[in-house]
Amino acid sequence: MISHHFSDGLYAKEAQFSAGTAILKHTHSFSHLSILAKGKVAVMMGEEIEVIEAPACIEIKSGMTHGVKAITDCVWFCIHATDEKDPSKVDDILIGV
């Protein structure tokens, strides 16, 4: 399940997903924060894989290929600086280098 949260100049994408679910590898042209609010995941950043357990906040650097695989049921937030407030357009603006 995906939920969208907007504030002045900020966007938080909340993803709730089950154990075994993978978020595909992707990149962004700017750095952002990701927050694991619940659960345990394996995070791939570049060639490195790190197991992270909630609560945790990590920085994803600009241009870094990254992805997530849930080890347990999870709640994951990606926090981005953007003025876009349309959920149907925000991924097109934020994903890809």
C-alpha atoms as a PDB file:
ATOM      1  CA  MET A   1       0.000   0.000   0.000  1.00  0.00           C
ATOM      2  CA  ILE A   2       1.310   3.451  -0.935  1.00  0.00           C
ATOM      3  CA  SER A   3       0.248   6.672   0.818  1.00  0.00           C
ATOM      4  CA  HIS A   4       1.321  10.175  -0.191  1.00  0.00           C
ATOM      5  CA  HIS A   5       2.028  12.972   2.307  1.00  0.00           C
ATOM      6  CA  PHE A   6       2.692  16.570   1.227  1.00  0.00           C
ATOM      7  CA  SER A   7       3.845  19.714   3.018  1.00  0.00           C
ATOM      8  CA  ASP A   8       5.476  22.969   1.919  1.00  0.00           C
ATOM      9  CA  GLY A   9       8.362  21.852  -0.303  1.00  0.00           C
ATOM     10  CA  LEU A  10       8.341  18.283   1.072  1.00  0.00           C
ATOM     11  CA  TYR A  11       6.928  14.971  -0.053  1.00  0.00           C
ATOM     12  CA  ALA A  12       6.867  11.700   1.900  1.00  0.00           C
ATOM     13  CA  LYS A  13       6.017   8.480   0.119  1.00  0.00           C
ATOM     14  CA  GLU A  14       4.855   5.880   2.639  1.00  0.00           C
ATOM     15  CA  ALA A  15       5.101   2.264   1.511  1.00  0.00           C
ATOM     16  CA  GLN A  16       3.675  -0.580   3.574  1.00  0.00           C
ATOM     17  CA  PHE A  17       4.807  -3.936   2.233  1.00  0.00           C
ATOM     18  CA  SER A  18       4.971  -7.586   3.251  1.00  0.00           C
ATOM     19  CA  ALA A  19       8.011  -9.735   3.977  1.00  0.00           C
ATOM     20  CA  GLY A  20       9.686 -10.826   0.752  1.00  0.00           C
ATOM     21  CA  THR A  21       8.563  -7.766  -1.236  1.00  0.00           C
ATOM     22  CA  ALA A  22      11.303  -5.981  -3.185  1.00  0.00           C
ATOM     23  CA  ILE A  23      11.401  -2.334  -4.234  1.00  0.00           C
ATOM     24  CA  LEU A  24      13.253  -2.293  -7.537  1.00  0.00           C
ATOM     25  CA  LYS A  25      16.634  -0.649  -7.939  1.00  0.00           C
ATOM     26  CA  HIS A  26      16.427   2.990  -9.006  1.00  0.00           C
ATOM     27  CA  THR A  27      18.254   6.320  -8.683  1.00  0.00           C
ATOM     28  CA  HIS A  28      17.474   9.965  -7.978  1.00  0.00           C
ATOM     29  CA  SER A  29      19.314  13.059  -9.205  1.00  0.00           C
ATOM     30  CA  PHE A  30      19.430  14.442  -5.637  1.00  0.00           C
ATOM     31  CA  SER A  31      20.010  13.128  -2.111  1.00  0.00           C
ATOM     32  CA  HIS A  32      17.047  12.238   0.100  1.00  0.00           C
ATOM     33  CA  LEU A  33      16.197  10.552   3.387  1.00  0.00           C
ATOM     34  CA  SER A  34      14.540   7.182   3.842  1.00  0.00           C
ATOM     35  CA  ILE A  35      12.967   6.163   7.135  1.00  0.00           C
ATOM     36  CA  LEU A  36      12.212   2.596   8.157  1.00  0.00           C
ATOM     37  CA  ALA A  37       9.381   3.057  10.654  1.00  0.00           C
ATOM     38  CA  LYS A  38       8.552  -0.634  11.143  1.00  0.00           C
ATOM     39  CA  GLY A  39      10.229  -3.920  10.308  1.00  0.00           C
ATOM     40  CA  LYS A  40      13.533  -5.202   8.999  1.00  0.00           C
ATOM     41  CA  VAL A  41      14.913  -4.791   5.459  1.00  0.00           C
ATOM     42  CA  ALA A  42      17.972  -5.455   3.338  1.00  0.00           C
ATOM     43  CA  VAL A  43      18.997  -2.201   1.640  1.00  0.00           C
ATOM     44  CA  MET A  44      21.172  -2.283  -1.457  1.00  0.00           C
ATOM     45  CA  MET A  45      23.134   0.922  -2.117  1.00  0.00           C
ATOM     46  CA  GLY A  46      25.566   0.567  -5.001  1.00  0.00           C
ATOM     47  CA  GLU A  47      27.309  -2.765  -4.467  1.00  0.00           C
ATOM     48  CA  GLU A  48      26.752  -2.767  -0.680  1.00  0.00           C
ATOM     49  CA  ILE A  49      23.887  -4.556   1.107  1.00  0.00           C
ATOM     50  CA  GLU A  50      23.046  -3.633   4.682  1.00  0.00           C
ATOM     51  CA  VAL A  51      20.373  -5.140   6.943  1.00  0.00           C
ATOM     52  CA  ILE A  52      18.494  -2.396   8.789  1.00  0.00           C
ATOM     53  CA  GLU A  53      15.920  -2.727  11.575  1.00  0.00           C
ATOM     54  CA  ALA A  54      13.375  -0.072  12.564  1.00  0.00           C
ATOM     55  CA  PRO A  55      13.506   2.573  13.721  1.00  0.00           C
ATOM     56  CA  ALA A  56      16.130   3.852  11.315  1.00  0.00           C
ATOM     57  CA  CYS A  57      16.827   6.829   9.066  1.00  0.00           C
ATOM     58  CA  ILE A  58      19.331   6.646   6.203  1.00  0.00           C
ATOM     59  CA  GLU A  59      20.554   9.079   3.582  1.00  0.00           C
ATOM     60  CA  ILE A  60      20.455   8.018  -0.047  1.00  0.00           C
ATOM     61  CA  LYS A  61      23.054  10.049  -1.952  1.00  0.00           C
ATOM     62  CA  SER A  62      22.386  11.624  -5.339  1.00  0.00           C
ATOM     63  CA  GLY A  63      22.935   9.186  -8.205  1.00  0.00           C
ATOM     64  CA  MET A  64      23.225   6.150  -5.884  1.00  0.00           C
ATOM     65  CA  THR A  65      21.479   3.068  -7.265  1.00  0.00           C
ATOM     66  CA  HIS A  66      19.422   1.637  -4.415  1.00  0.00           C
ATOM     67  CA  GLY A  67      16.683  -0.866  -3.656  1.00  0.00           C
ATOM     68  CA  VAL A  68      15.010  -2.517  -0.669  1.00  0.00           C
ATOM     69  CA  LYS A  69      13.880  -6.067   0.142  1.00  0.00           C
ATOM     70  CA  ALA A  70      11.616  -6.650   3.134  1.00  0.00           C
ATOM     71  CA  ILE A  71      12.758  -9.305   5.587  1.00  0.00           C
ATOM     72  CA  THR A  72       9.637  -8.732   7.719  1.00  0.00           C
ATOM     73  CA  ASP A  73       6.452  -6.724   7.108  1.00  0.00           C
ATOM     74  CA  CYS A  74       7.566  -3.081   6.840  1.00  0.00           C
ATOM     75  CA  VAL A  75       6.619   0.565   6.765  1.00  0.00           C
ATOM     76  CA  TRP A  76       9.133   2.621   4.732  1.00  0.00           C
ATOM     77  CA  PHE A  77       9.084   6.372   4.039  1.00  0.00           C
ATOM     78  CA  CYS A  78      11.056   8.190   1.331  1.00  0.00           C
ATOM     79  CA  ILE A  79      11.345  11.922   2.059  1.00  0.00           C
ATOM     80  CA  HIS A  80      11.983  14.245  -0.898  1.00  0.00           C
ATOM     81  CA  ALA A  81      12.290  18.005  -1.358  1.00  0.00           C
ATOM     82  CA  THR A  82       9.803  18.953  -4.086  1.00  0.00           C
ATOM     83  CA  ASP A  83       6.978  21.371  -4.692  1.00  0.00           C
ATOM     84  CA  GLU A  84       5.015  18.779  -6.712  1.00  0.00           C
ATOM     85  CA  LYS A  85       1.783  17.805  -4.942  1.00  0.00           C
ATOM     86  CA  ASP A  86       0.181  15.567  -7.575  1.00  0.00           C
ATOM     87  CA  PRO A  87       0.623  11.864  -6.682  1.00  0.00           C
ATOM     88  CA  SER A  88       0.265  10.890 -10.358  1.00  0.00           C
ATOM     89  CA  LYS A  89       3.258  13.077 -11.342  1.00  0.00           C
ATOM     90  CA  VAL A  90       5.620  12.902  -8.372  1.00  0.00           C
ATOM     91  CA  ASP A  91       7.414   9.645  -9.339  1.00  0.00           C
ATOM     92  CA  ASP A  92       8.071  10.958 -12.856  1.00  0.00           C
ATOM     93  CA  ILE A  93       9.792  13.982 -11.330  1.00  0.00           C
ATOM     94  CA  LEU A  94      11.728  12.179  -8.583  1.00  0.00           C
ATOM     95  CA  ILE A  95      12.885   8.851 -10.063  1.00  0.00           C
ATOM     96  CA  GLY A  96      15.698   8.554 -12.578  1.00  0.00           C
ATOM     97  CA  VAL A  97      18.999  10.188 -13.318  1.00  0.00           C
END
